[in-house]
């Protein structure tokens, strides 16, 4: 029943662990990415939502064809978000992400959409952070499914732990 305060929530791990142990938790952060991650990681999902997310991810893979037309996110480019994915080597990653993000809007609710965006972010981070060799679009798609499976497994364990202690974050 203790209250855990995390004033610099970052990736939300402290909130996840506190909730899983039956404690109440509050987190804040000036960084909107940290808040986004913490919200996604502390969502208690229904099994039906997780099944829909898995089906969405596996159904998305054939649609991530680099020959398909994508909607270039001009606003993101103008804000500088494409700065590190605008080269000859990284364009397949950018285009794959653009194709995937368009499909996120077709998910049932904000909870599912947030999970999906988080999975795409995690996959993009895997592909780009501190790498000398940029993965291919096929490797990116494979890693995306690995990320989704790991996140679904984590969400399932989190939900069980929270329910065991009778608390909702």
Foldseek 3Di string as FASTA:
>chain_A
DAEAEAADCAQQPVVLVCLLQLYHYDYHHPDVVSVLNNVLLQDQDDPVLLVVLLVLLVVCLVVLDPVDDFDDPVVCVVVPVCVQQPDPQRVSLVSSLRSQLVCLVVDDDPNSSSNSVVLSVVLVCVQRPPDPHGDHNVVSSVVSSVSSVVSSVSSVSSNVSNVVSPHRD
